[in-house]
Amino acid sequence: MPYFLDGNNLIGAGRRARTPGEEDRAALEGELAGRLRGMRSSVTVFYDGPPGRTRSLGSLTIRQPGGSADDAMLRDIGASRDPGQITVVTADRGLARASEDAGAKSLSPGEFWDRFGKRAATPGGAKGPEAPRVDVQEWMDYFSNPENKKT
C-alpha cells in the first residue's frame, strides 16, 4: 500500500518548524527510513518548493516536484489506476478531504506514526545509535540509473 506524505506539513506538525530546512528534512527522512526497514509499504514524501530531483531509497521516495506538494499528490492520485490503495498522510484537512474526494484514504500524522511503530531494532541488539544497514542491490540500482549520475 503506497503512502503519500505531505513532508513540510509533517515537519511542521512534528518539529514545530514553520519553514522546514534541510536538517528538518534529513531528520524526517532518517526517521522514515528507520521505521520502514523490513516493511513492505512504500512511502513517497512530497515537499513544497522549487523543483528538485527525485530520490529513491528502497521503499522511501523523496519528491520535490516544484510548486505545491498538495497539487502533485492530487495529480498522482488522479493518475493512479487504483487510488483507493493510496493513503495520504497530512494534518491539512483540506488536502485530506481533496484526497478522499479523489478516491484515496487519509491519515493524520499521529495515526501514521502509530501504524509504523518504533524504529527498526538495532542489528544484533547493540545499544546506542542504530547502525545503518546497507542494501547492496539498492545502491547498485541507484548508481546504475543514469538520472542519478551527476554531470
N, C-alpha and C. Protein backbone atom coordinates (compact mmCIF):
# COMPACT_ATOMS: atom_id res chain seq x y z
N MET A 1 0.84 -1.18 0.00
CA MET A 1 0.00 0.00 0.00
C MET A 1 0.89 1.25 0.00
N PRO A 2 0.74 2.11 -1.00
CA PRO A 2 1.56 3.33 -1.03
C PRO A 2 1.01 4.42 -0.11
N TYR A 3 1.93 5.12 0.51
CA TYR A 3 1.61 6.27 1.35
C TYR A 3 2.23 7.50 0.72
N PHE A 4 1.45 8.57 0.62
CA PHE A 4 1.94 9.87 0.16
C PHE A 4 2.00 10.77 1.38
N LEU A 5 3.16 11.28 1.70
CA LEU A 5 3.33 12.12 2.88
C LEU A 5 3.53 13.57 2.48
N ASP A 6 2.80 14.43 3.13
CA ASP A 6 2.93 15.87 2.97
C ASP A 6 4.11 16.29 3.85
N GLY A 7 5.32 16.25 3.27
CA GLY A 7 6.55 16.39 4.04
C GLY A 7 6.64 17.65 4.87
N ASN A 8 6.42 18.82 4.27
CA ASN A 8 6.52 20.06 5.03
C ASN A 8 5.49 20.10 6.14
N ASN A 9 4.31 19.57 5.88
CA ASN A 9 3.24 19.53 6.87
C ASN A 9 3.64 18.63 8.04
N LEU A 10 4.21 17.47 7.76
CA LEU A 10 4.63 16.57 8.84
C LEU A 10 5.74 17.19 9.67
N ILE A 11 6.67 17.86 9.02
CA ILE A 11 7.75 18.52 9.77
C ILE A 11 7.17 19.62 10.64
N GLY A 12 6.28 20.41 10.07
CA GLY A 12 5.66 21.49 10.83
C GLY A 12 4.89 20.97 12.03
N ALA A 13 4.17 19.86 11.85
CA ALA A 13 3.39 19.28 12.94
C ALA A 13 4.28 18.62 13.98
N GLY A 14 5.33 17.94 13.53
CA GLY A 14 6.16 17.17 14.45
C GLY A 14 7.28 17.95 15.09
N ARG A 15 7.89 18.86 14.33
CA ARG A 15 9.06 19.58 14.83
C ARG A 15 8.76 21.04 15.11
N ARG A 16 7.53 21.44 14.85
CA ARG A 16 7.10 22.82 15.07
C ARG A 16 7.96 23.82 14.28
N ALA A 17 8.36 23.43 13.10
CA ALA A 17 9.16 24.30 12.24
C ALA A 17 8.25 24.93 11.19
N ARG A 18 8.18 26.25 11.17
CA ARG A 18 7.32 26.93 10.19
C ARG A 18 7.86 26.75 8.78
N THR A 19 9.14 26.95 8.60
CA THR A 19 9.77 26.78 7.30
C THR A 19 10.85 25.72 7.45
N PRO A 20 10.54 24.48 7.11
CA PRO A 20 11.50 23.40 7.29
C PRO A 20 12.77 23.61 6.48
N GLY A 21 13.90 23.31 7.10
CA GLY A 21 15.18 23.39 6.43
C GLY A 21 15.69 22.00 6.09
N GLU A 22 16.88 21.96 5.52
CA GLU A 22 17.48 20.68 5.13
C GLU A 22 17.67 19.76 6.33
N GLU A 23 18.02 20.32 7.48
CA GLU A 23 18.20 19.49 8.68
C GLU A 23 16.88 18.84 9.09
N ASP A 24 15.79 19.60 9.01
CA ASP A 24 14.47 19.06 9.33
C ASP A 24 14.08 17.94 8.36
N ARG A 25 14.35 18.16 7.09
CA ARG A 25 14.03 17.15 6.08
C ARG A 25 14.86 15.89 6.29
N ALA A 26 16.14 16.07 6.57
CA ALA A 26 17.02 14.90 6.81
C ALA A 26 16.54 14.12 8.02
N ALA A 27 16.09 14.81 9.06
CA ALA A 27 15.59 14.13 10.26
C ALA A 27 14.33 13.32 9.94
N LEU A 28 13.41 13.92 9.19
CA LEU A 28 12.19 13.20 8.80
C LEU A 28 12.53 11.98 7.96
N GLU A 29 13.39 12.16 6.97
CA GLU A 29 13.76 11.05 6.09
C GLU A 29 14.47 9.94 6.85
N GLY A 30 15.33 10.30 7.80
CA GLY A 30 16.01 9.30 8.62
C GLY A 30 15.04 8.52 9.48
N GLU A 31 14.08 9.23 10.06
CA GLU A 31 13.07 8.57 10.88
C GLU A 31 12.23 7.61 10.04
N LEU A 32 11.84 8.06 8.86
CA LEU A 32 11.04 7.20 7.98
C LEU A 32 11.83 5.98 7.55
N ALA A 33 13.07 6.17 7.14
CA ALA A 33 13.90 5.05 6.71
C ALA A 33 14.03 4.03 7.84
N GLY A 34 14.22 4.50 9.06
CA GLY A 34 14.34 3.59 10.20
C GLY A 34 13.07 2.81 10.47
N ARG A 35 11.94 3.46 10.32
CA ARG A 35 10.67 2.79 10.57
C ARG A 35 10.24 1.87 9.44
N LEU A 36 10.65 2.19 8.22
CA LEU A 36 10.22 1.38 7.06
C LEU A 36 11.07 0.14 6.85
N ARG A 37 12.24 0.12 7.44
CA ARG A 37 13.15 -1.01 7.22
C ARG A 37 12.43 -2.32 7.54
N GLY A 38 12.41 -3.21 6.61
CA GLY A 38 11.80 -4.52 6.81
C GLY A 38 10.30 -4.55 6.59
N MET A 39 9.70 -3.43 6.18
CA MET A 39 8.26 -3.41 5.92
C MET A 39 8.02 -3.42 4.43
N ARG A 40 6.83 -3.76 4.03
CA ARG A 40 6.51 -3.87 2.61
C ARG A 40 5.79 -2.64 2.07
N SER A 41 5.57 -1.66 2.87
CA SER A 41 4.89 -0.45 2.41
C SER A 41 5.86 0.47 1.68
N SER A 42 5.33 1.21 0.72
CA SER A 42 6.13 2.21 0.05
C SER A 42 5.65 3.59 0.48
N VAL A 43 6.60 4.50 0.67
CA VAL A 43 6.28 5.84 1.12
C VAL A 43 6.94 6.83 0.17
N THR A 44 6.15 7.80 -0.28
CA THR A 44 6.68 8.91 -1.06
C THR A 44 6.45 10.18 -0.28
N VAL A 45 7.53 10.90 0.00
CA VAL A 45 7.45 12.18 0.69
C VAL A 45 7.47 13.27 -0.37
N PHE A 46 6.47 14.14 -0.34
CA PHE A 46 6.38 15.26 -1.26
C PHE A 46 6.71 16.53 -0.48
N TYR A 47 7.62 17.36 -1.04
CA TYR A 47 7.96 18.63 -0.43
C TYR A 47 7.53 19.78 -1.33
N ASP A 48 7.06 20.86 -0.71
CA ASP A 48 6.78 22.10 -1.42
C ASP A 48 8.11 22.75 -1.79
N GLY A 49 8.06 23.62 -2.78
CA GLY A 49 9.24 24.40 -3.11
C GLY A 49 9.65 24.24 -4.55
N PRO A 50 10.83 24.78 -4.85
CA PRO A 50 11.30 24.72 -6.23
C PRO A 50 11.57 23.27 -6.65
N PRO A 51 11.56 23.02 -7.96
CA PRO A 51 11.79 21.65 -8.42
C PRO A 51 13.15 21.11 -7.96
N GLY A 52 13.15 19.87 -7.58
CA GLY A 52 14.36 19.16 -7.19
C GLY A 52 14.31 17.77 -7.77
N ARG A 53 15.40 17.07 -7.66
CA ARG A 53 15.41 15.72 -8.23
C ARG A 53 14.68 14.75 -7.30
N THR A 54 14.16 13.70 -7.88
CA THR A 54 13.51 12.64 -7.12
C THR A 54 14.58 11.65 -6.70
N ARG A 55 14.54 11.28 -5.42
CA ARG A 55 15.49 10.29 -4.90
C ARG A 55 14.71 9.09 -4.42
N SER A 56 15.23 7.91 -4.71
CA SER A 56 14.59 6.68 -4.27
C SER A 56 15.57 5.90 -3.41
N LEU A 57 15.13 5.58 -2.21
CA LEU A 57 15.94 4.82 -1.28
C LEU A 57 15.14 3.60 -0.84
N GLY A 58 15.09 2.60 -1.69
CA GLY A 58 14.30 1.40 -1.38
C GLY A 58 12.83 1.73 -1.39
N SER A 59 12.16 1.53 -0.27
CA SER A 59 10.72 1.77 -0.20
C SER A 59 10.39 3.23 0.11
N LEU A 60 11.40 4.08 0.23
CA LEU A 60 11.21 5.50 0.52
C LEU A 60 11.63 6.32 -0.70
N THR A 61 10.70 7.14 -1.21
CA THR A 61 10.98 8.03 -2.33
C THR A 61 10.78 9.46 -1.87
N ILE A 62 11.70 10.32 -2.25
CA ILE A 62 11.64 11.73 -1.90
C ILE A 62 11.40 12.51 -3.18
N ARG A 63 10.33 13.32 -3.20
CA ARG A 63 10.00 14.11 -4.39
C ARG A 63 9.84 15.57 -4.04
N GLN A 64 10.44 16.41 -4.85
CA GLN A 64 10.22 17.85 -4.77
C GLN A 64 9.84 18.28 -6.18
N PRO A 65 8.55 18.12 -6.52
CA PRO A 65 8.12 18.30 -7.90
C PRO A 65 8.10 19.75 -8.38
N GLY A 66 8.26 20.69 -7.47
CA GLY A 66 8.17 22.10 -7.83
C GLY A 66 6.77 22.60 -7.54
N GLY A 67 6.68 23.72 -6.86
CA GLY A 67 5.37 24.26 -6.52
C GLY A 67 4.77 23.57 -5.32
N SER A 68 3.51 23.30 -5.41
CA SER A 68 2.74 22.75 -4.30
C SER A 68 2.82 21.22 -4.24
N ALA A 69 3.23 20.73 -3.09
CA ALA A 69 3.24 19.28 -2.87
C ALA A 69 1.82 18.74 -2.91
N ASP A 70 0.87 19.51 -2.39
CA ASP A 70 -0.53 19.09 -2.39
C ASP A 70 -1.01 18.82 -3.82
N ASP A 71 -0.71 19.77 -4.71
CA ASP A 71 -1.14 19.61 -6.10
C ASP A 71 -0.49 18.38 -6.74
N ALA A 72 0.78 18.16 -6.45
CA ALA A 72 1.49 17.00 -7.01
C ALA A 72 0.87 15.69 -6.51
N MET A 73 0.55 15.63 -5.21
CA MET A 73 -0.08 14.42 -4.67
C MET A 73 -1.42 14.17 -5.33
N LEU A 74 -2.22 15.21 -5.48
CA LEU A 74 -3.55 15.05 -6.08
C LEU A 74 -3.43 14.64 -7.56
N ARG A 75 -2.44 15.17 -8.27
CA ARG A 75 -2.22 14.73 -9.65
C ARG A 75 -1.87 13.25 -9.70
N ASP A 76 -0.97 12.82 -8.80
CA ASP A 76 -0.57 11.41 -8.79
C ASP A 76 -1.73 10.49 -8.40
N ILE A 77 -2.57 10.95 -7.49
CA ILE A 77 -3.75 10.16 -7.12
C ILE A 77 -4.66 10.04 -8.34
N GLY A 78 -4.88 11.15 -9.04
CA GLY A 78 -5.73 11.15 -10.23
C GLY A 78 -5.19 10.27 -11.34
N ALA A 79 -3.88 10.14 -11.43
CA ALA A 79 -3.26 9.32 -12.47
C ALA A 79 -3.15 7.85 -12.09
N SER A 80 -3.45 7.52 -10.85
CA SER A 80 -3.32 6.15 -10.37
C SER A 80 -4.43 5.26 -10.91
N ARG A 81 -4.07 4.01 -11.20
CA ARG A 81 -5.07 3.03 -11.64
C ARG A 81 -6.00 2.62 -10.49
N ASP A 82 -5.47 2.69 -9.27
CA ASP A 82 -6.26 2.29 -8.11
C ASP A 82 -6.03 3.27 -6.97
N PRO A 83 -6.64 4.45 -7.02
CA PRO A 83 -6.41 5.46 -5.99
C PRO A 83 -6.82 5.00 -4.59
N GLY A 84 -7.68 4.02 -4.50
CA GLY A 84 -8.11 3.51 -3.20
C GLY A 84 -7.01 2.83 -2.43
N GLN A 85 -5.90 2.49 -3.09
CA GLN A 85 -4.77 1.88 -2.42
C GLN A 85 -3.83 2.92 -1.80
N ILE A 86 -3.99 4.19 -2.17
CA ILE A 86 -3.11 5.26 -1.71
C ILE A 86 -3.66 5.86 -0.42
N THR A 87 -2.76 6.12 0.52
CA THR A 87 -3.12 6.80 1.76
C THR A 87 -2.28 8.06 1.86
N VAL A 88 -2.95 9.20 1.99
CA VAL A 88 -2.29 10.49 2.13
C VAL A 88 -2.17 10.80 3.61
N VAL A 89 -0.95 11.16 4.03
CA VAL A 89 -0.69 11.48 5.43
C VAL A 89 -0.46 12.98 5.54
N THR A 90 -1.37 13.66 6.22
CA THR A 90 -1.31 15.10 6.37
C THR A 90 -2.17 15.56 7.55
N ALA A 91 -1.81 16.71 8.10
CA ALA A 91 -2.64 17.34 9.12
C ALA A 91 -3.51 18.42 8.48
N ASP A 92 -3.35 18.61 7.17
CA ASP A 92 -4.09 19.61 6.41
C ASP A 92 -5.46 19.03 6.05
N ARG A 93 -6.50 19.52 6.69
CA ARG A 93 -7.85 18.96 6.48
C ARG A 93 -8.32 19.12 5.03
N GLY A 94 -7.95 20.23 4.40
CA GLY A 94 -8.35 20.46 3.01
C GLY A 94 -7.72 19.43 2.08
N LEU A 95 -6.44 19.14 2.28
CA LEU A 95 -5.77 18.12 1.46
C LEU A 95 -6.34 16.74 1.74
N ALA A 96 -6.61 16.44 3.01
CA ALA A 96 -7.19 15.14 3.36
C ALA A 96 -8.54 14.97 2.66
N ARG A 97 -9.36 16.00 2.70
CA ARG A 97 -10.69 15.94 2.07
C ARG A 97 -10.56 15.80 0.55
N ALA A 98 -9.67 16.58 -0.07
CA ALA A 98 -9.49 16.50 -1.53
C ALA A 98 -8.96 15.13 -1.94
N SER A 99 -8.08 14.55 -1.13
CA SER A 99 -7.54 13.22 -1.41
C SER A 99 -8.65 12.17 -1.36
N GLU A 100 -9.47 12.28 -0.34
CA GLU A 100 -10.59 11.33 -0.21
C GLU A 100 -11.59 11.50 -1.36
N ASP A 101 -11.84 12.75 -1.75
CA ASP A 101 -12.73 13.00 -2.89
C ASP A 101 -12.18 12.38 -4.17
N ALA A 102 -10.83 12.30 -4.27
CA ALA A 102 -10.19 11.70 -5.45
C ALA A 102 -10.09 10.18 -5.35
N GLY A 103 -10.54 9.62 -4.23
CA GLY A 103 -10.57 8.16 -4.09
C GLY A 103 -9.54 7.58 -3.16
N ALA A 104 -8.63 8.39 -2.64
CA ALA A 104 -7.59 7.89 -1.72
C ALA A 104 -8.11 7.90 -0.28
N LYS A 105 -7.32 7.33 0.60
CA LYS A 105 -7.60 7.37 2.03
C LYS A 105 -6.72 8.46 2.64
N SER A 106 -6.99 8.82 3.89
CA SER A 106 -6.12 9.77 4.55
C SER A 106 -5.90 9.37 6.00
N LEU A 107 -4.75 9.76 6.51
CA LEU A 107 -4.39 9.53 7.91
C LEU A 107 -3.78 10.81 8.46
N SER A 108 -3.97 11.02 9.75
CA SER A 108 -3.28 12.13 10.41
C SER A 108 -1.84 11.68 10.65
N PRO A 109 -0.91 12.62 10.85
CA PRO A 109 0.46 12.22 11.17
C PRO A 109 0.55 11.29 12.38
N GLY A 110 -0.23 11.56 13.42
CA GLY A 110 -0.21 10.71 14.61
C GLY A 110 -0.63 9.28 14.30
N GLU A 111 -1.68 9.12 13.50
CA GLU A 111 -2.13 7.78 13.12
C GLU A 111 -1.07 7.06 12.29
N PHE A 112 -0.40 7.80 11.40
CA PHE A 112 0.66 7.21 10.59
C PHE A 112 1.80 6.72 11.47
N TRP A 113 2.29 7.58 12.38
CA TRP A 113 3.41 7.18 13.25
C TRP A 113 3.02 6.00 14.14
N ASP A 114 1.78 5.98 14.61
CA ASP A 114 1.31 4.84 15.42
C ASP A 114 1.31 3.55 14.60
N ARG A 115 0.90 3.65 13.35
CA ARG A 115 0.82 2.48 12.48
C ARG A 115 2.21 1.90 12.21
N PHE A 116 3.20 2.76 12.08
CA PHE A 116 4.55 2.30 11.75
C PHE A 116 5.42 2.09 12.98
N GLY A 117 4.87 2.21 14.15
CA GLY A 117 5.58 1.86 15.37
C GLY A 117 6.91 2.52 15.54
N LYS A 118 7.79 1.84 16.24
CA LYS A 118 9.11 2.37 16.53
C LYS A 118 10.07 2.07 15.40
N ARG A 119 11.22 2.71 15.49
CA ARG A 119 12.28 2.44 14.52
C ARG A 119 12.63 0.96 14.56
N ALA A 120 13.16 0.48 13.47
CA ALA A 120 13.62 -0.91 13.42
C ALA A 120 14.69 -1.12 14.49
N ALA A 121 14.75 -2.30 15.05
CA ALA A 121 15.73 -2.60 16.08
C ALA A 121 17.14 -2.53 15.53
N THR A 122 18.07 -2.16 16.39
CA THR A 122 19.48 -2.12 16.02
C THR A 122 19.96 -3.53 15.74
N PRO A 123 20.66 -3.76 14.63
CA PRO A 123 21.15 -5.10 14.32
C PRO A 123 21.99 -5.65 15.47
N GLY A 124 21.73 -6.90 15.81
CA GLY A 124 22.50 -7.55 16.87
C GLY A 124 22.09 -7.12 18.27
N GLY A 125 21.08 -6.26 18.37
CA GLY A 125 20.62 -5.83 19.69
C GLY A 125 21.58 -4.90 20.39
N ALA A 126 22.55 -4.33 19.67
CA ALA A 126 23.51 -3.44 20.31
C ALA A 126 22.83 -2.18 20.81
N LYS A 127 23.37 -1.63 21.89
CA LYS A 127 22.83 -0.39 22.43
C LYS A 127 23.48 0.77 21.71
N GLY A 128 22.83 1.92 21.79
CA GLY A 128 23.38 3.10 21.16
C GLY A 128 22.68 3.38 19.85
N PRO A 129 23.26 4.31 19.06
CA PRO A 129 22.61 4.67 17.81
C PRO A 129 22.48 3.49 16.87
N GLU A 130 21.40 3.51 16.11
CA GLU A 130 21.16 2.43 15.16
C GLU A 130 22.22 2.43 14.08
N ALA A 131 22.81 1.30 13.84
CA ALA A 131 23.79 1.17 12.77
C ALA A 131 23.04 1.00 11.46
N PRO A 132 23.38 1.81 10.44
CA PRO A 132 22.66 1.68 9.18
C PRO A 132 22.96 0.34 8.51
N ARG A 133 21.92 -0.25 7.93
CA ARG A 133 22.09 -1.49 7.19
C ARG A 133 22.23 -1.13 5.73
N VAL A 134 23.17 -1.74 5.08
CA VAL A 134 23.43 -1.44 3.68
C VAL A 134 22.79 -2.50 2.80
N ASP A 135 21.98 -2.05 1.86
CA ASP A 135 21.37 -2.94 0.88
C ASP A 135 22.16 -2.73 -0.41
N VAL A 136 23.06 -3.66 -0.70
CA VAL A 136 23.96 -3.51 -1.84
C VAL A 136 23.17 -3.40 -3.14
N GLN A 137 22.14 -4.20 -3.31
CA GLN A 137 21.36 -4.15 -4.55
C GLN A 137 20.71 -2.79 -4.72
N GLU A 138 20.24 -2.20 -3.64
CA GLU A 138 19.63 -0.88 -3.70
C GLU A 138 20.64 0.16 -4.21
N TRP A 139 21.86 0.10 -3.71
CA TRP A 139 22.91 1.01 -4.16
C TRP A 139 23.28 0.73 -5.62
N MET A 140 23.35 -0.51 -6.00
CA MET A 140 23.67 -0.86 -7.39
C MET A 140 22.60 -0.29 -8.33
N ASP A 141 21.34 -0.46 -7.95
CA ASP A 141 20.25 0.07 -8.76
C ASP A 141 20.33 1.59 -8.85
N TYR A 142 20.60 2.22 -7.73
CA TYR A 142 20.67 3.68 -7.69
C TYR A 142 21.78 4.20 -8.61
N PHE A 143 22.97 3.67 -8.47
CA PHE A 143 24.10 4.19 -9.22
C PHE A 143 24.12 3.74 -10.68
N SER A 144 23.36 2.72 -11.02
CA SER A 144 23.28 2.32 -12.43
C SER A 144 22.23 3.12 -13.19
N ASN A 145 21.42 3.89 -12.49
CA ASN A 145 20.40 4.71 -13.12
C ASN A 145 21.04 6.01 -13.62
N PRO A 146 21.02 6.29 -14.92
CA PRO A 146 21.67 7.48 -15.47
C PRO A 146 21.14 8.79 -14.88
N GLU A 147 19.87 8.79 -14.41
CA GLU A 147 19.30 10.01 -13.82
C GLU A 147 20.00 10.38 -12.51
N ASN A 148 20.67 9.43 -11.86
CA ASN A 148 21.31 9.70 -10.58
C ASN A 148 22.78 10.08 -10.72
N LYS A 149 23.27 10.09 -11.92
CA LYS A 149 24.68 10.44 -12.14
C LYS A 149 24.80 11.93 -12.35
N LYS A 150 25.76 12.53 -11.66
CA LYS A 150 25.99 13.96 -11.81
C LYS A 150 26.79 14.21 -13.08
N THR A 151 26.46 15.30 -13.73
CA THR A 151 27.18 15.65 -14.97
C THR A 151 28.05 16.85 -14.74
